[in-house]
PDB file of N, CA and C in Angstrom:
ATOM      1  N   UNK A   1     275.912 134.053  -6.693  1.00  0.00           N
ATOM      2  CA  UNK A   1     274.772 133.437  -6.046  1.00  0.00           C
ATOM      3  C   UNK A   1     274.924 133.564  -4.533  1.00  0.00           C
ATOM      4  N   UNK A   2     273.880 134.013  -3.868  1.00  0.00           N
ATOM      5  CA  UNK A   2     273.827 134.079  -2.409  1.00  0.00           C
ATOM      6  C   UNK A   2     272.512 133.468  -1.957  1.00  0.00           C
ATOM      7  N   UNK A   3     272.595 132.636  -0.926  1.00  0.00           N
ATOM      8  CA  UNK A   3     271.419 131.979  -0.380  1.00  0.00           C
ATOM      9  C   UNK A   3     271.492 132.079   1.134  1.00  0.00           C
ATOM     10  N   UNK A   4     270.356 132.262   1.757  1.00  0.00           N
ATOM     11  CA  UNK A   4     270.319 132.336   3.206  1.00  0.00           C
ATOM     12  C   UNK A   4     269.428 131.234   3.748  1.00  0.00           C
ATOM     13  N   UNK A   5     269.874 130.606   4.833  1.00  0.00           N
ATOM     14  CA  UNK A   5     269.044 129.650   5.560  1.00  0.00           C
ATOM     15  C   UNK A   5     269.258 129.936   7.040  1.00  0.00           C
ATOM     16  N   UNK A   6     268.248 130.506   7.669  1.00  0.00           N
ATOM     17  CA  UNK A   6     268.382 130.873   9.076  1.00  0.00           C
ATOM     18  C   UNK A   6     269.506 131.873   9.265  1.00  0.00           C
ATOM     19  N   UNK A   7     270.444 131.543  10.128  1.00  0.00           N
ATOM     20  CA  UNK A   7     271.560 132.440  10.431  1.00  0.00           C
ATOM     21  C   UNK A   7     272.763 132.237   9.525  1.00  0.00           C
ATOM     22  N   UNK A   8     272.626 131.423   8.474  1.00  0.00           N
ATOM     23  CA  UNK A   8     273.722 131.178   7.546  1.00  0.00           C
ATOM     24  C   UNK A   8     273.490 131.900   6.221  1.00  0.00           C
ATOM     25  N   UNK A   9     274.544 132.508   5.720  1.00  0.00           N
ATOM     26  CA  UNK A   9     274.553 133.094   4.383  1.00  0.00           C
ATOM     27  C   UNK A   9     275.568 132.291   3.597  1.00  0.00           C
ATOM     28  N   UNK A  10     275.178 131.781   2.446  1.00  0.00           N
ATOM     29  CA  UNK A  10     276.049 130.941   1.633  1.00  0.00           C
ATOM     30  C   UNK A  10     276.262 131.617   0.290  1.00  0.00           C
ATOM     31  N   UNK A  11     277.543 131.776  -0.061  1.00  0.00           N
ATOM     32  CA  UNK A  11     277.935 132.520  -1.254  1.00  0.00           C
ATOM     33  C   UNK A  11     278.771 131.613  -2.156  1.00  0.00           C
ATOM     34  N   UNK A  12     278.444 131.584  -3.439  1.00  0.00           N
ATOM     35  CA  UNK A  12     279.243 130.813  -4.388  1.00  0.00           C
ATOM     36  C   UNK A  12     280.554 131.558  -4.638  1.00  0.00           C
ATOM     37  N   UNK A  13     281.672 130.820  -4.626  1.00  0.00           N
ATOM     38  CA  UNK A  13     282.991 131.401  -4.852  1.00  0.00           C
ATOM     39  C   UNK A  13     283.661 130.703  -6.033  1.00  0.00           C
ATOM     40  N   UNK A  14     284.718 131.327  -6.549  1.00  0.00           N
ATOM     41  CA  UNK A  14     285.401 130.778  -7.723  1.00  0.00           C
ATOM     42  C   UNK A  14     286.190 129.518  -7.435  1.00  0.00           C
ATOM     43  N   UNK A  15     286.843 129.476  -6.240  1.00  0.00           N
ATOM     44  CA  UNK A  15     287.661 128.298  -5.945  1.00  0.00           C
ATOM     45  C   UNK A  15     287.815 128.110  -4.443  1.00  0.00           C
ATOM     46  N   UNK A  16     288.221 126.906  -4.086  1.00  0.00           N
ATOM     47  CA  UNK A  16     288.478 126.553  -2.699  1.00  0.00           C
ATOM     48  C   UNK A  16     289.843 127.111  -2.301  1.00  0.00           C
ATOM     49  N   UNK A  17     289.973 127.711  -1.115  1.00  0.00           N
ATOM     50  CA  UNK A  17     291.290 128.157  -0.661  1.00  0.00           C
ATOM     51  C   UNK A  17     292.259 126.970  -0.577  1.00  0.00           C
ATOM     52  N   UNK A  18     293.494 127.193  -0.967  1.00  0.00           N
ATOM     53  CA  UNK A  18     294.499 126.110  -0.988  1.00  0.00           C
ATOM     54  C   UNK A  18     294.707 125.477   0.380  1.00  0.00           C
ATOM     55  N   UNK A  19     294.626 126.291   1.434  1.00  0.00           N
ATOM     56  CA  UNK A  19     294.916 125.793   2.770  1.00  0.00           C
ATOM     57  C   UNK A  19     293.710 125.128   3.450  1.00  0.00           C
ATOM     58  N   UNK A  20     292.589 125.017   2.765  1.00  0.00           N
ATOM     59  CA  UNK A  20     291.386 124.423   3.351  1.00  0.00           C
ATOM     60  C   UNK A  20     291.609 122.949   3.681  1.00  0.00           C
ATOM     61  N   UNK A  21     291.109 122.551   4.841  1.00  0.00           N
ATOM     62  CA  UNK A  21     291.246 121.179   5.327  1.00  0.00           C
ATOM     63  C   UNK A  21     289.893 120.482   5.254  1.00  0.00           C
ATOM     64  N   UNK A  22     289.883 119.280   4.691  1.00  0.00           N
ATOM     65  CA  UNK A  22     288.650 118.495   4.558  1.00  0.00           C
ATOM     66  C   UNK A  22     288.178 118.038   5.931  1.00  0.00           C
ATOM     67  N   UNK A  23     286.864 118.170   6.175  1.00  0.00           N
ATOM     68  CA  UNK A  23     286.249 117.717   7.415  1.00  0.00           C
ATOM     69  C   UNK A  23     285.512 116.405   7.176  1.00  0.00           C
ATOM     70  N   UNK A  24     285.264 115.662   8.246  1.00  0.00           N
ATOM     71  CA  UNK A  24     284.628 114.343   8.124  1.00  0.00           C
ATOM     72  C   UNK A  24     283.138 114.369   8.444  1.00  0.00           C
ATOM     73  N   UNK A  25     282.501 115.502   8.235  1.00  0.00           N
ATOM     74  CA  UNK A  25     281.060 115.619   8.437  1.00  0.00           C
ATOM     75  C   UNK A  25     280.521 116.642   7.439  1.00  0.00           C
ATOM     76  N   UNK A  26     279.195 116.833   7.430  1.00  0.00           N
ATOM     77  CA  UNK A  26     278.567 117.792   6.513  1.00  0.00           C
ATOM     78  C   UNK A  26     277.648 118.747   7.273  1.00  0.00           C
ATOM     79  N   UNK A  27     277.935 119.008   8.541  1.00  0.00           N
ATOM     80  CA  UNK A  27     277.139 119.911   9.365  1.00  0.00           C
ATOM     81  C   UNK A  27     277.729 121.311   9.271  1.00  0.00           C
ATOM     82  N   UNK A  28     276.961 122.254   8.710  1.00  0.00           N
ATOM     83  CA  UNK A  28     277.428 123.636   8.588  1.00  0.00           C
ATOM     84  C   UNK A  28     277.269 124.406   9.889  1.00  0.00           C
ATOM     85  N   UNK A  29     276.241 124.087  10.667  1.00  0.00           N
ATOM     86  CA  UNK A  29     276.024 124.767  11.946  1.00  0.00           C
ATOM     87  C   UNK A  29     274.999 123.983  12.749  1.00  0.00           C
ATOM     88  N   UNK A  30     275.079 124.157  14.068  1.00  0.00           N
ATOM     89  CA  UNK A  30     274.101 123.583  14.975  1.00  0.00           C
ATOM     90  C   UNK A  30     273.348 124.727  15.626  1.00  0.00           C
ATOM     91  N   UNK A  31     272.033 124.651  15.612  1.00  0.00           N
ATOM     92  CA  UNK A  31     271.222 125.703  16.216  1.00  0.00           C
ATOM     93  C   UNK A  31     271.462 125.799  17.709  1.00  0.00           C
ATOM     94  N   UNK A  32     271.869 126.973  18.171  1.00  0.00           N
ATOM     95  CA  UNK A  32     272.161 127.165  19.590  1.00  0.00           C
ATOM     96  C   UNK A  32     270.908 127.041  20.447  1.00  0.00           C
ATOM     97  N   UNK A  33     269.791 127.486  19.941  1.00  0.00           N
ATOM     98  CA  UNK A  33     268.547 127.474  20.710  1.00  0.00           C
ATOM     99  C   UNK A  33     267.883 126.098  20.700  1.00  0.00           C
ATOM    100  N   UNK A  34     267.934 125.395  19.562  1.00  0.00           N
ATOM    101  CA  UNK A  34     267.188 124.143  19.425  1.00  0.00           C
ATOM    102  C   UNK A  34     268.057 122.903  19.288  1.00  0.00           C
ATOM    103  N   UNK A  35     269.315 123.070  18.900  1.00  0.00           N
ATOM    104  CA  UNK A  35     270.176 121.921  18.635  1.00  0.00           C
ATOM    105  C   UNK A  35     269.965 121.325  17.256  1.00  0.00           C
ATOM    106  N   UNK A  36     269.048 121.895  16.456  1.00  0.00           N
ATOM    107  CA  UNK A  36     268.830 121.405  15.098  1.00  0.00           C
ATOM    108  C   UNK A  36     270.047 121.703  14.240  1.00  0.00           C
ATOM    109  N   UNK A  37     270.315 120.827  13.278  1.00  0.00           N
ATOM    110  CA  UNK A  37     271.492 120.956  12.429  1.00  0.00           C
ATOM    111  C   UNK A  37     271.162 121.536  11.063  1.00  0.00           C
ATOM    112  N   UNK A  38     272.065 122.373  10.550  1.00  0.00           N
ATOM    113  CA  UNK A  38     272.071 122.772   9.147  1.00  0.00           C
ATOM    114  C   UNK A  38     273.032 121.769   8.500  1.00  0.00           C
ATOM    115  N   UNK A  39     272.492 120.802   7.756  1.00  0.00           N
ATOM    116  CA  UNK A  39     273.319 119.701   7.267  1.00  0.00           C
ATOM    117  C   UNK A  39     273.100 119.438   5.776  1.00  0.00           C
ATOM    118  N   UNK A  40     274.214 119.216   5.069  1.00  0.00           N
ATOM    119  CA  UNK A  40     274.178 118.905   3.643  1.00  0.00           C
ATOM    120  C   UNK A  40     273.892 117.425   3.428  1.00  0.00           C
ATOM    121  N   UNK A  41     273.131 117.106   2.364  1.00  0.00           N
ATOM    122  CA  UNK A  41     272.885 115.708   1.989  1.00  0.00           C
ATOM    123  C   UNK A  41     274.142 115.054   1.424  1.00  0.00           C
ATOM    124  N   UNK A  42     274.904 115.823   0.669  1.00  0.00           N
ATOM    125  CA  UNK A  42     276.119 115.298   0.041  1.00  0.00           C
ATOM    126  C   UNK A  42     277.094 116.459  -0.119  1.00  0.00           C
ATOM    127  N   UNK A  43     278.196 116.210  -0.778  1.00  0.00           N
ATOM    128  CA  UNK A  43     279.214 117.237  -0.930  1.00  0.00           C
ATOM    129  C   UNK A  43     280.317 117.038   0.103  1.00  0.00           C
ATOM    130  N   UNK A  44     281.341 117.874   0.027  1.00  0.00           N
ATOM    131  CA  UNK A  44     282.489 117.775   0.932  1.00  0.00           C
ATOM    132  C   UNK A  44     282.656 119.120   1.633  1.00  0.00           C
ATOM    133  N   UNK A  45     282.811 119.072   2.944  1.00  0.00           N
ATOM    134  CA  UNK A  45     282.953 120.266   3.766  1.00  0.00           C
ATOM    135  C   UNK A  45     284.422 120.489   4.105  1.00  0.00           C
ATOM    136  N   UNK A  46     284.849 121.758   4.061  1.00  0.00           N
ATOM    137  CA  UNK A  46     286.229 122.138   4.356  1.00  0.00           C
ATOM    138  C   UNK A  46     286.224 123.305   5.336  1.00  0.00           C
ATOM    139  N   UNK A  47     287.367 123.509   6.012  1.00  0.00           N
ATOM    140  CA  UNK A  47     287.510 124.630   6.939  1.00  0.00           C
ATOM    141  C   UNK A  47     288.899 125.231   6.783  1.00  0.00           C
ATOM    142  N   UNK A  48     288.957 126.546   6.860  1.00  0.00           N
ATOM    143  CA  UNK A  48     290.230 127.250   6.899  1.00  0.00           C
ATOM    144  C   UNK A  48     290.056 128.526   7.706  1.00  0.00           C
ATOM    145  N   UNK A  49     290.913 128.720   8.676  1.00  0.00           N
ATOM    146  CA  UNK A  49     290.890 129.917   9.518  1.00  0.00           C
ATOM    147  C   UNK A  49     289.504 130.224  10.096  1.00  0.00           C
ATOM    148  N   UNK A  50     288.785 129.191  10.508  1.00  0.00           N
ATOM    149  CA  UNK A  50     287.474 129.375  11.112  1.00  0.00           C
ATOM    150  C   UNK A  50     286.330 129.586  10.141  1.00  0.00           C
ATOM    151  N   UNK A  51     286.606 129.540   8.850  1.00  0.00           N
ATOM    152  CA  UNK A  51     285.571 129.715   7.829  1.00  0.00           C
ATOM    153  C   UNK A  51     285.302 128.374   7.151  1.00  0.00           C
ATOM    154  N   UNK A  52     284.013 128.052   6.988  1.00  0.00           N
ATOM    155  CA  UNK A  52     283.625 126.821   6.315  1.00  0.00           C
ATOM    156  C   UNK A  52     283.403 127.065   4.828  1.00  0.00           C
ATOM    157  N   UNK A  53     283.757 126.070   4.035  1.00  0.00           N
ATOM    158  CA  UNK A  53     283.496 126.025   2.598  1.00  0.00           C
ATOM    159  C   UNK A  53     282.960 124.640   2.299  1.00  0.00           C
ATOM    160  N   UNK A  54     282.203 124.501   1.224  1.00  0.00           N
ATOM    161  CA  UNK A  54     281.848 123.158   0.766  1.00  0.00           C
ATOM    162  C   UNK A  54     281.855 123.115  -0.746  1.00  0.00           C
ATOM    163  N   UNK A  55     282.074 121.915  -1.247  1.00  0.00           N
ATOM    164  CA  UNK A  55     282.061 121.726  -2.698  1.00  0.00           C
ATOM    165  C   UNK A  55     281.004 120.692  -3.051  1.00  0.00           C
ATOM    166  N   UNK A  56     280.355 120.957  -4.160  1.00  0.00           N
ATOM    167  CA  UNK A  56     279.353 120.056  -4.725  1.00  0.00           C
ATOM    168  C   UNK A  56     279.911 119.640  -6.067  1.00  0.00           C
ATOM    169  N   UNK A  57     280.078 118.329  -6.281  1.00  0.00           N
ATOM    170  CA  UNK A  57     280.784 117.897  -7.482  1.00  0.00           C
ATOM    171  C   UNK A  57     279.898 117.682  -8.704  1.00  0.00           C
ATOM    172  N   UNK A  58     279.172 116.601  -8.776  1.00  0.00           N
ATOM    173  CA  UNK A  58     278.517 116.269 -10.039  1.00  0.00           C
ATOM    174  C   UNK A  58     276.994 116.278 -10.020  1.00  0.00           C
ATOM    175  N   UNK A  59     276.393 116.508  -8.881  1.00  0.00           N
ATOM    176  CA  UNK A  59     274.923 116.578  -8.801  1.00  0.00           C
ATOM    177  C   UNK A  59     274.552 117.620  -7.765  1.00  0.00           C
ATOM    178  N   UNK A  60     273.301 117.975  -7.712  1.00  0.00           N
ATOM    179  CA  UNK A  60     272.881 118.957  -6.713  1.00  0.00           C
ATOM    180  C   UNK A  60     272.899 118.325  -5.324  1.00  0.00           C
ATOM    181  N   UNK A  61     272.986 119.171  -4.327  1.00  0.00           N
ATOM    182  CA  UNK A  61     272.880 118.719  -2.943  1.00  0.00           C
ATOM    183  C   UNK A  61     271.900 119.626  -2.219  1.00  0.00           C
ATOM    184  N   UNK A  62     271.332 119.111  -1.158  1.00  0.00           N
ATOM    185  CA  UNK A  62     270.349 119.871  -0.381  1.00  0.00           C
ATOM    186  C   UNK A  62     270.935 120.225   0.979  1.00  0.00           C
ATOM    187  N   UNK A  63     270.609 121.430   1.446  1.00  0.00           N
ATOM    188  CA  UNK A  63     270.923 121.865   2.802  1.00  0.00           C
ATOM    189  C   UNK A  63     269.619 121.808   3.584  1.00  0.00           C
ATOM    190  N   UNK A  64     269.594 120.962   4.610  1.00  0.00           N
ATOM    191  CA  UNK A  64     268.372 120.714   5.371  1.00  0.00           C
ATOM    192  C   UNK A  64     268.456 121.280   6.784  1.00  0.00           C
ATOM    193  N   UNK A  65     267.309 121.710   7.277  1.00  0.00           N
ATOM    194  CA  UNK A  65     267.146 122.155   8.659  1.00  0.00           C
ATOM    195  C   UNK A  65     265.655 122.026   8.953  1.00  0.00           C
ATOM    196  N   UNK A  66     265.277 121.459  10.103  1.00  0.00           N
ATOM    197  CA  UNK A  66     263.854 121.212  10.349  1.00  0.00           C
ATOM    198  C   UNK A  66     262.972 122.462  10.440  1.00  0.00           C
ATOM    199  N   UNK A  67     263.560 123.631  10.697  1.00  0.00           N
ATOM    200  CA  UNK A  67     262.750 124.838  10.850  1.00  0.00           C
ATOM    201  C   UNK A  67     262.830 125.781   9.657  1.00  0.00           C
ATOM    202  N   UNK A  68     263.583 125.403   8.619  1.00  0.00           N
ATOM    203  CA  UNK A  68     263.746 126.274   7.458  1.00  0.00           C
ATOM    204  C   UNK A  68     263.484 125.475   6.184  1.00  0.00           C
ATOM    205  N   UNK A  69     263.159 126.181   5.118  1.00  0.00           N
ATOM    206  CA  UNK A  69     262.973 125.530   3.825  1.00  0.00           C
ATOM    207  C   UNK A  69     264.293 124.934   3.352  1.00  0.00           C
ATOM    208  N   UNK A  70     264.216 123.783   2.719  1.00  0.00           N
ATOM    209  CA  UNK A  70     265.400 123.146   2.151  1.00  0.00           C
ATOM    210  C   UNK A  70     265.930 123.992   1.006  1.00  0.00           C
ATOM    211  N   UNK A  71     267.252 124.125   0.933  1.00  0.00           N
ATOM    212  CA  UNK A  71     267.909 124.888  -0.121  1.00  0.00           C
ATOM    213  C   UNK A  71     268.767 123.919  -0.919  1.00  0.00           C
ATOM    214  N   UNK A  72     268.738 124.021  -2.255  1.00  0.00           N
ATOM    215  CA  UNK A  72     269.571 123.142  -3.084  1.00  0.00           C
ATOM    216  C   UNK A  72     270.691 123.940  -3.737  1.00  0.00           C
ATOM    217  N   UNK A  73     271.804 123.253  -3.974  1.00  0.00           N
ATOM    218  CA  UNK A  73     272.984 123.860  -4.575  1.00  0.00           C
ATOM    219  C   UNK A  73     273.444 123.046  -5.765  1.00  0.00           C
ATOM    220  N   UNK A  74     273.745 123.764  -6.841  1.00  0.00           N
ATOM    221  CA  UNK A  74     274.294 123.162  -8.043  1.00  0.00           C
ATOM    222  C   UNK A  74     275.786 122.882  -7.820  1.00  0.00           C
ATOM    223  N   UNK A  75     276.417 122.098  -8.704  1.00  0.00           N
ATOM    224  CA  UNK A  75     277.852 121.869  -8.568  1.00  0.00           C
ATOM    225  C   UNK A  75     278.626 123.189  -8.507  1.00  0.00           C
ATOM    226  N   UNK A  76     279.624 123.241  -7.628  1.00  0.00           N
ATOM    227  CA  UNK A  76     280.436 124.433  -7.447  1.00  0.00           C
ATOM    228  C   UNK A  76     281.049 124.460  -6.068  1.00  0.00           C
ATOM    229  N   UNK A  77     281.649 125.586  -5.724  1.00  0.00           N
ATOM    230  CA  UNK A  77     282.292 125.792  -4.432  1.00  0.00           C
ATOM    231  C   UNK A  77     281.597 126.942  -3.728  1.00  0.00           C
ATOM    232  N   UNK A  78     281.343 126.783  -2.430  1.00  0.00           N
ATOM    233  CA  UNK A  78     280.558 127.745  -1.669  1.00  0.00           C
ATOM    234  C   UNK A  78     281.236 128.087  -0.343  1.00  0.00           C
ATOM    235  N   UNK A  79     281.082 129.326   0.078  1.00  0.00           N
ATOM    236  CA  UNK A  79     281.579 129.795   1.376  1.00  0.00           C
ATOM    237  C   UNK A  79     280.389 129.969   2.306  1.00  0.00           C
ATOM    238  N   UNK A  80     280.553 129.559   3.564  1.00  0.00           N
ATOM    239  CA  UNK A  80     279.500 129.655   4.567  1.00  0.00           C
ATOM    240  C   UNK A  80     279.829 130.819   5.496  1.00  0.00           C
ATOM    241  N   UNK A  81     278.906 131.761   5.614  1.00  0.00           N
ATOM    242  CA  UNK A  81     279.101 132.928   6.468  1.00  0.00           C
ATOM    243  C   UNK A  81     278.072 132.887   7.585  1.00  0.00           C
ATOM    244  N   UNK A  82     278.562 132.899   8.824  1.00  0.00           N
ATOM    245  CA  UNK A  82     277.681 132.954   9.986  1.00  0.00           C
ATOM    246  C   UNK A  82     277.237 134.394  10.165  1.00  0.00           C
ATOM    247  N   UNK A  83     275.948 134.659  10.084  1.00  0.00           N
ATOM    248  CA  UNK A  83     275.422 136.008  10.216  1.00  0.00           C
ATOM    249  C   UNK A  83     275.726 136.561  11.611  1.00  0.00           C
ATOM    250  N   UNK A  84     275.972 137.876  11.678  1.00  0.00           N
ATOM    251  CA  UNK A  84     276.215 138.558  12.944  1.00  0.00           C
ATOM    252  C   UNK A  84     275.237 139.715  13.075  1.00  0.00           C
ATOM    253  N   UNK A  85     275.040 140.148  14.302  1.00  0.00           N
ATOM    254  CA  UNK A  85     274.183 141.296  14.542  1.00  0.00           C
ATOM    255  C   UNK A  85     274.805 142.147  15.641  1.00  0.00           C
ATOM    256  N   UNK A  86     274.472 143.423  15.614  1.00  0.00           N
ATOM    257  CA  UNK A  86     275.027 144.335  16.593  1.00  0.00           C
ATOM    258  C   UNK A  86     274.051 144.529  17.743  1.00  0.00           C
ATOM    259  N   UNK A  87     274.583 144.524  18.935  1.00  0.00           N
ATOM    260  CA  UNK A  87     273.817 144.872  20.124  1.00  0.00           C
ATOM    261  C   UNK A  87     274.678 145.826  20.947  1.00  0.00           C
ATOM    262  N   UNK A  88     274.141 146.490  21.966  1.00  0.00           N
ATOM    263  CA  UNK A  88     274.893 147.512  22.698  1.00  0.00           C
ATOM    264  C   UNK A  88     276.258 147.053  23.229  1.00  0.00           C
ATOM    265  N   UNK A  89     276.410 145.769  23.507  1.00  0.00           N
ATOM    266  CA  UNK A  89     277.694 145.278  24.014  1.00  0.00           C
ATOM    267  C   UNK A  89     278.666 144.908  22.900  1.00  0.00           C
ATOM    268  N   UNK A  90     278.248 144.973  21.646  1.00  0.00           N
ATOM    269  CA  UNK A  90     279.115 144.669  20.503  1.00  0.00           C
ATOM    270  C   UNK A  90     278.475 143.682  19.547  1.00  0.00           C
ATOM    271  N   UNK A  91     279.279 143.177  18.632  1.00  0.00           N
ATOM    272  CA  UNK A  91     278.799 142.226  17.623  1.00  0.00           C
ATOM    273  C   UNK A  91     278.702 140.839  18.226  1.00  0.00           C
ATOM    274  N   UNK A  92     277.676 140.089  17.773  1.00  0.00           N
ATOM    275  CA  UNK A  92     277.522 138.703  18.197  1.00  0.00           C
ATOM    276  C   UNK A  92     276.953 137.894  17.050  1.00  0.00           C
ATOM    277  N   UNK A  93     277.178 136.590  17.109  1.00  0.00           N
ATOM    278  CA  UNK A  93     276.600 135.690  16.112  1.00  0.00           C
ATOM    279  C   UNK A  93     275.103 135.661  16.265  1.00  0.00           C
ATOM    280  N   UNK A  94     274.395 135.584  15.151  1.00  0.00           N
ATOM    281  CA  UNK A  94     272.940 135.431  15.190  1.00  0.00           C
ATOM    282  C   UNK A  94     272.633 134.034  15.713  1.00  0.00           C
ATOM    283  N   UNK A  95     271.710 133.949  16.640  1.00  0.00           N
ATOM    284  CA  UNK A  95     271.314 132.651  17.228  1.00  0.00           C
ATOM    285  C   UNK A  95     270.100 132.144  16.491  1.00  0.00           C
ATOM    286  N   UNK A  96     270.190 130.894  16.038  1.00  0.00           N
ATOM    287  CA  UNK A  96     269.117 130.259  15.275  1.00  0.00           C
ATOM    288  C   UNK A  96     268.487 129.171  16.100  1.00  0.00           C
TER     289      UNK A  96
END
């Protein structure tokens, strides 16, 4: 399963990396242009080596952002990928 919301690509994975550290918030990204948040209603967010993961346990959760359609996720583990784009000076993160 792959889902996109703005500059985020979210992919379902088999398991959480062992070294992942639990975070105390549910914000996947903050829009650089607007300051709007890509934020989960529930679930647990983790980080390892600069990559975010989240787990949804027993019910669905929603990923909200004021400028994009709400996306829902079934129970499972997901990896968050920040989209990048190429420009003449090199690769950069997509700005949302």
